[in-house]
Amino acid sequence: MNQNFDLRRFGLLVLLHLSEHLKTYLMGIAVLFGVWIVMLAPSTARATHFTEGLYRYHGIVFSFLFGGGGAWFASEAFRTVSTPVRGIPHLMLPASHLEKYLLGFLMLLLFVPVFIGVFYTVEGICFAIINSRLPVAEPHYQLLNLAGPAIPFDLRYLSWSAPSLFLLGSIYFAKVPFVKTSVVAFLIYFFLVFLNEFLILEVFPTREHYGTTPFAEVYFLQSGRRYDLELTGLSRQLIYAVLLLTVPALWFTAYIRFKEKEL
C-alpha cells in the first residue's frame, strides 16, 4: 500500500468512519448533555445571588469531566488495532499508516469543540435562568472563561493533557487500555508530586506550603499571611516548555507505536 498521504483518500476514510460510528457519536453527545444537566441543575436551582464560587465550581467540574471524558474517548480511539481479530480488517483498509492514525487523532480533536459546545449550551441556559432571578444591582453571570482564574493551571493542564496520554495507552495496551493507562497516569502523577514536595522541603524551611505549577511556583502560609514564590526568566520558560512539549511528544510516540502495531 502506498504510504504517502493523500487528502482525497483520507476524506473517504473519514466518511467511512462516520458512516459506521455516527449513531454512537450522537448517542454520546446526548449522554453528555444529560451529564451536564445533572451536574449544573442543582446549583442553578439554589442560586439566588451572584457569587464567584459558582464560576469555580463550573471550572472544576469542567476540568474533571473534560479530562475524564477525553481520556475515555482517547482510550477507545485505537481499539481496532488492540487484537489481531480487529486489527487485520483495519490493516486491510486501502489507506496509509499516517491516514489511519490521523483518523483517530482527528476524532479526538473534534471531541474538544463538541464537548465545549455542549458545556456552553447547558451553562448558557443555566445562567439565563439564574440571571432572571438576580437583583438588578448585582453582576450577572457570563459564560465561563476557560483560560481564566476559575480553573487552576495544574488542573487545567492535567485535564487537557490526559487525552493525549490515553491516546498512547489505547495503542500500547491490548486489553483494558483505560484501566492500565489510568494506573500509569496515577503513578506518574504521584511521582511528580512527591518529587516536587521533596525539592520544596530541600530548598525552603519546613512550613505550611502548597504547590501550584510543579517545579515553578509555590506559596507559603505563615501567621495568617500568604507568600508567593515563583521561578523567573529562563528557568520558568524551560519548565513551561517541557509541560507544553509533553503533549505533542505523546502524539508522536503514539504514531510510532501505531506504525509498529500495524507492522
Protein backbone atom coordinates (compact mmCIF):
# COMPACT_ATOMS: atom_id res chain seq x y z
CA MET A 1 0.00 0.00 0.00
CA ASN A 2 1.28 3.47 -0.90
CA GLN A 3 2.29 5.15 2.38
CA ASN A 4 2.15 8.71 1.06
CA PHE A 5 -0.57 10.91 2.49
CA ASP A 6 -3.46 11.52 0.08
CA LEU A 7 -6.11 14.07 1.08
CA ARG A 8 -8.88 12.56 -1.06
CA ARG A 9 -8.25 9.07 0.30
CA PHE A 10 -8.17 10.46 3.84
CA GLY A 11 -11.52 12.16 3.23
CA LEU A 12 -13.04 8.87 2.11
CA LEU A 13 -11.63 7.19 5.22
CA VAL A 14 -13.27 9.83 7.42
CA LEU A 15 -16.61 9.37 5.65
CA LEU A 16 -16.38 5.60 6.09
CA HIS A 17 -15.65 6.01 9.79
CA LEU A 18 -18.54 8.44 10.30
CA SER A 19 -20.96 6.18 8.43
CA GLU A 20 -20.07 3.36 10.82
CA HIS A 21 -19.93 5.33 14.09
CA LEU A 22 -22.13 8.42 13.65
CA LYS A 23 -25.01 6.89 15.62
CA THR A 24 -22.69 6.08 18.51
CA TYR A 25 -21.27 9.61 18.50
CA LEU A 26 -24.75 11.17 18.51
CA MET A 27 -25.75 8.96 21.45
CA GLY A 28 -22.58 10.04 23.23
CA ILE A 29 -23.46 13.71 22.71
CA ALA A 30 -26.93 13.07 24.12
CA VAL A 31 -25.39 11.41 27.19
CA LEU A 32 -23.03 14.35 27.56
CA PHE A 33 -25.97 16.76 27.57
CA GLY A 34 -27.59 14.66 30.28
CA VAL A 35 -24.44 14.60 32.41
CA TRP A 36 -24.06 18.38 32.24
CA ILE A 37 -27.69 18.95 33.11
CA VAL A 38 -27.33 16.69 36.17
CA MET A 39 -24.11 18.44 37.25
CA LEU A 40 -25.33 22.04 36.80
CA ALA A 41 -29.02 21.79 37.64
CA PRO A 42 -28.66 21.70 41.48
CA SER A 43 -26.53 24.86 41.62
CA THR A 44 -28.92 26.55 39.17
CA ALA A 45 -31.90 25.74 41.36
CA ARG A 46 -30.23 27.08 44.52
CA ALA A 47 -28.58 30.25 43.19
CA THR A 48 -30.35 33.48 44.12
CA HIS A 49 -27.35 35.84 44.37
CA PHE A 50 -24.16 36.37 42.38
CA THR A 51 -21.06 34.61 43.71
CA GLU A 52 -17.65 33.91 42.18
CA GLY A 53 -17.79 30.46 43.77
CA LEU A 54 -20.20 29.31 41.08
CA TYR A 55 -17.55 30.01 38.44
CA ARG A 56 -15.02 27.99 40.43
CA TYR A 57 -17.48 25.12 40.71
CA HIS A 58 -18.14 25.15 36.97
CA GLY A 59 -14.40 25.36 36.26
CA ILE A 60 -13.52 22.39 38.48
CA VAL A 61 -16.38 20.25 37.14
CA PHE A 62 -15.44 21.17 33.56
CA SER A 63 -11.82 20.14 34.14
CA PHE A 64 -12.68 16.78 35.66
CA LEU A 65 -15.34 15.91 33.10
CA PHE A 66 -13.23 17.07 30.16
CA GLY A 67 -10.18 15.16 31.40
CA GLY A 68 -12.18 12.02 32.22
CA GLY A 69 -14.35 12.12 29.11
CA GLY A 70 -11.41 12.90 26.85
CA ALA A 71 -9.36 10.11 28.44
CA TRP A 72 -12.14 7.58 27.91
CA PHE A 73 -12.73 8.70 24.32
CA ALA A 74 -8.99 8.58 23.58
CA SER A 75 -8.64 5.13 25.13
CA GLU A 76 -11.22 3.86 22.64
CA ALA A 77 -9.67 5.61 19.62
CA PHE A 78 -7.48 2.70 18.50
CA ARG A 79 -9.27 -0.32 19.87
CA THR A 80 -9.35 -1.54 16.26
CA VAL A 81 -5.66 -2.46 16.49
CA SER A 82 -5.80 -3.92 20.00
CA THR A 83 -6.11 -7.54 18.81
CA PRO A 84 -5.37 -9.41 15.56
CA VAL A 85 -9.09 -10.13 15.06
CA ARG A 86 -9.87 -6.41 15.00
CA GLY A 87 -6.53 -5.29 13.60
CA ILE A 88 -6.45 -7.36 10.41
CA PRO A 89 -9.61 -5.79 8.86
CA HIS A 90 -8.27 -2.37 9.84
CA LEU A 91 -4.91 -3.21 8.30
CA MET A 92 -6.58 -4.20 5.03
CA LEU A 93 -8.15 -0.77 4.55
CA PRO A 94 -6.54 0.87 1.47
CA ALA A 95 -5.00 3.79 3.36
CA SER A 96 -1.56 4.70 4.67
CA HIS A 97 -0.40 4.42 8.28
CA LEU A 98 -0.49 8.19 8.65
CA GLU A 99 -4.04 8.45 7.30
CA LYS A 100 -5.32 5.78 9.68
CA TYR A 101 -3.58 7.41 12.62
CA LEU A 102 -4.84 10.88 11.67
CA LEU A 103 -8.38 9.50 11.54
CA GLY A 104 -8.29 8.60 15.24
CA PHE A 105 -6.42 11.78 16.07
CA LEU A 106 -8.97 13.89 14.19
CA MET A 107 -11.85 12.29 16.10
CA LEU A 108 -10.07 13.14 19.35
CA LEU A 109 -9.56 16.74 18.21
CA LEU A 110 -13.24 17.02 17.29
CA PHE A 111 -14.11 15.89 20.81
CA VAL A 112 -12.80 19.23 22.11
CA PRO A 113 -15.19 21.64 20.29
CA VAL A 114 -18.11 19.24 20.74
CA PHE A 115 -17.51 18.98 24.49
CA ILE A 116 -17.05 22.73 24.89
CA GLY A 117 -20.13 23.41 22.73
CA VAL A 118 -22.31 21.12 24.85
CA PHE A 119 -20.94 22.64 28.06
CA TYR A 120 -21.54 26.23 26.95
CA THR A 121 -25.04 25.38 25.72
CA VAL A 122 -26.10 23.90 29.05
CA GLU A 123 -24.23 26.54 31.06
CA GLY A 124 -25.77 29.33 28.99
CA ILE A 125 -29.28 28.02 29.71
CA CYS A 126 -28.48 27.65 33.43
CA PHE A 127 -27.01 31.16 33.66
CA ALA A 128 -30.01 32.61 31.80
CA ILE A 129 -32.30 31.05 34.41
CA ILE A 130 -30.14 32.33 37.29
CA ASN A 131 -29.75 35.84 35.80
CA SER A 132 -33.52 36.16 35.51
CA ARG A 133 -33.72 35.79 39.32
CA LEU A 134 -30.78 38.02 40.30
CA PRO A 135 -31.40 41.53 41.67
CA VAL A 136 -30.80 44.26 39.09
CA ALA A 137 -27.97 45.81 41.14
CA GLU A 138 -25.91 42.59 41.23
CA PRO A 139 -23.50 41.45 38.49
CA HIS A 140 -24.89 38.87 36.10
CA TYR A 141 -23.22 35.64 35.03
CA GLN A 142 -21.37 35.29 31.75
CA LEU A 143 -20.09 32.10 30.14
CA LEU A 144 -17.09 30.64 31.94
CA ASN A 145 -13.69 31.80 30.70
CA LEU A 146 -11.77 28.53 30.31
CA ALA A 147 -8.46 30.40 30.42
CA GLY A 148 -9.44 32.44 33.48
CA PRO A 149 -8.58 32.06 37.17
CA ALA A 150 -11.61 29.88 37.89
CA ILE A 151 -9.56 26.87 36.74
CA PRO A 152 -6.12 26.45 38.41
CA PHE A 153 -3.25 25.95 35.99
CA ASP A 154 -2.31 22.49 37.25
CA LEU A 155 -5.90 21.24 36.97
CA ARG A 156 -6.28 22.80 33.51
CA TYR A 157 -3.03 21.21 32.33
CA LEU A 158 -3.93 17.76 33.64
CA SER A 159 -7.38 17.85 32.04
CA TRP A 160 -6.03 18.92 28.63
CA SER A 161 -3.03 16.58 28.59
CA ALA A 162 -4.86 13.45 29.84
CA PRO A 163 -6.46 12.60 26.44
CA SER A 164 -3.03 12.59 24.80
CA LEU A 165 -1.66 10.11 27.34
CA PHE A 166 -4.70 7.86 26.95
CA LEU A 167 -4.38 8.07 23.16
CA LEU A 168 -0.97 6.46 23.51
CA GLY A 169 -2.37 3.96 26.01
CA SER A 170 -5.10 2.90 23.58
CA ILE A 171 -2.41 1.78 21.15
CA TYR A 172 0.14 0.47 23.64
CA PHE A 173 -2.15 -1.74 25.75
CA ALA A 174 -4.06 -4.54 24.04
CA LYS A 175 -6.53 -5.19 26.89
CA VAL A 176 -8.42 -2.75 29.14
CA PRO A 177 -6.32 0.22 27.96
CA PHE A 178 -8.31 2.72 30.02
CA VAL A 179 -7.61 0.94 33.31
CA LYS A 180 -3.95 0.24 32.59
CA THR A 181 -3.28 3.78 31.35
CA SER A 182 -5.05 5.14 34.45
CA VAL A 183 -2.66 3.19 36.67
CA VAL A 184 0.34 4.54 34.74
CA ALA A 185 -1.07 8.08 34.87
CA PHE A 186 -1.56 7.94 38.64
CA LEU A 187 1.95 6.57 39.16
CA ILE A 188 3.44 9.38 37.07
CA TYR A 189 1.31 11.97 38.85
CA PHE A 190 2.23 10.81 42.36
CA PHE A 191 5.91 10.56 41.43
CA LEU A 192 5.91 14.17 40.20
CA VAL A 193 4.01 15.36 43.28
CA PHE A 194 6.43 13.66 45.68
CA LEU A 195 9.44 14.91 43.71
CA ASN A 196 8.04 18.45 43.79
CA GLU A 197 7.45 18.20 47.56
CA PHE A 198 10.94 16.79 48.10
CA LEU A 199 12.56 19.70 46.25
CA ILE A 200 10.47 22.26 48.15
CA LEU A 201 11.46 20.76 51.51
CA GLU A 202 15.11 20.66 50.46
CA VAL A 203 15.20 24.31 49.39
CA PHE A 204 12.83 26.01 51.87
CA PRO A 205 12.37 25.77 55.65
CA THR A 206 9.62 23.48 56.90
CA ARG A 207 6.32 25.36 56.99
CA GLU A 208 2.82 25.06 55.60
CA HIS A 209 3.10 25.28 51.83
CA TYR A 210 1.15 24.46 48.69
CA GLY A 211 2.38 23.88 45.14
CA THR A 212 0.72 25.43 42.12
CA THR A 213 2.64 24.82 38.89
CA PRO A 214 5.01 21.89 39.66
CA PHE A 215 8.68 22.90 39.90
CA ALA A 216 7.80 26.51 39.05
CA GLU A 217 5.62 28.04 41.80
CA VAL A 218 4.83 27.59 45.47
CA TYR A 219 3.13 29.64 48.13
CA PHE A 220 3.57 29.59 51.91
CA LEU A 221 1.17 30.35 54.72
CA GLN A 222 2.69 31.84 57.84
CA SER A 223 0.98 33.79 60.63
CA GLY A 224 -2.17 34.05 58.55
CA ARG A 225 -0.35 35.64 55.58
CA ARG A 226 0.34 34.21 52.16
CA TYR A 227 3.75 34.46 50.47
CA ASP A 228 4.10 33.54 46.78
CA LEU A 229 7.36 32.42 45.20
CA GLU A 230 7.92 31.56 41.55
CA LEU A 231 10.71 30.96 39.10
CA THR A 232 11.51 33.68 36.60
CA GLY A 233 13.48 34.05 33.40
CA LEU A 234 14.94 31.08 31.55
CA SER A 235 14.21 28.54 34.31
CA ARG A 236 10.50 29.30 34.21
CA GLN A 237 10.43 29.20 30.41
CA LEU A 238 12.11 25.79 30.42
CA ILE A 239 9.53 24.35 32.85
CA TYR A 240 6.64 25.60 30.74
CA ALA A 241 8.33 24.43 27.54
CA VAL A 242 8.64 20.90 28.94
CA LEU A 243 4.99 20.92 30.01
CA LEU A 244 3.81 22.15 26.61
CA LEU A 245 6.04 19.83 24.57
CA THR A 246 4.91 16.78 26.52
CA VAL A 247 1.59 16.72 24.64
CA PRO A 248 2.95 16.69 21.04
CA ALA A 249 5.62 14.22 22.22
CA LEU A 250 2.82 11.86 23.29
CA TRP A 251 1.14 12.32 19.89
CA PHE A 252 4.37 11.46 18.05
CA THR A 253 5.08 8.47 20.29
CA ALA A 254 1.54 7.22 19.69
CA TYR A 255 2.08 7.44 15.92
CA ILE A 256 5.36 5.49 16.10
CA ARG A 257 3.69 2.84 18.25
CA PHE A 258 0.75 2.73 15.82
CA LYS A 259 3.08 2.02 12.90
CA GLU A 260 4.79 -0.74 14.90
CA LYS A 261 1.40 -2.22 15.76
CA GLU A 262 0.38 -2.40 12.13
CA LEU A 263 3.68 -3.99 11.14
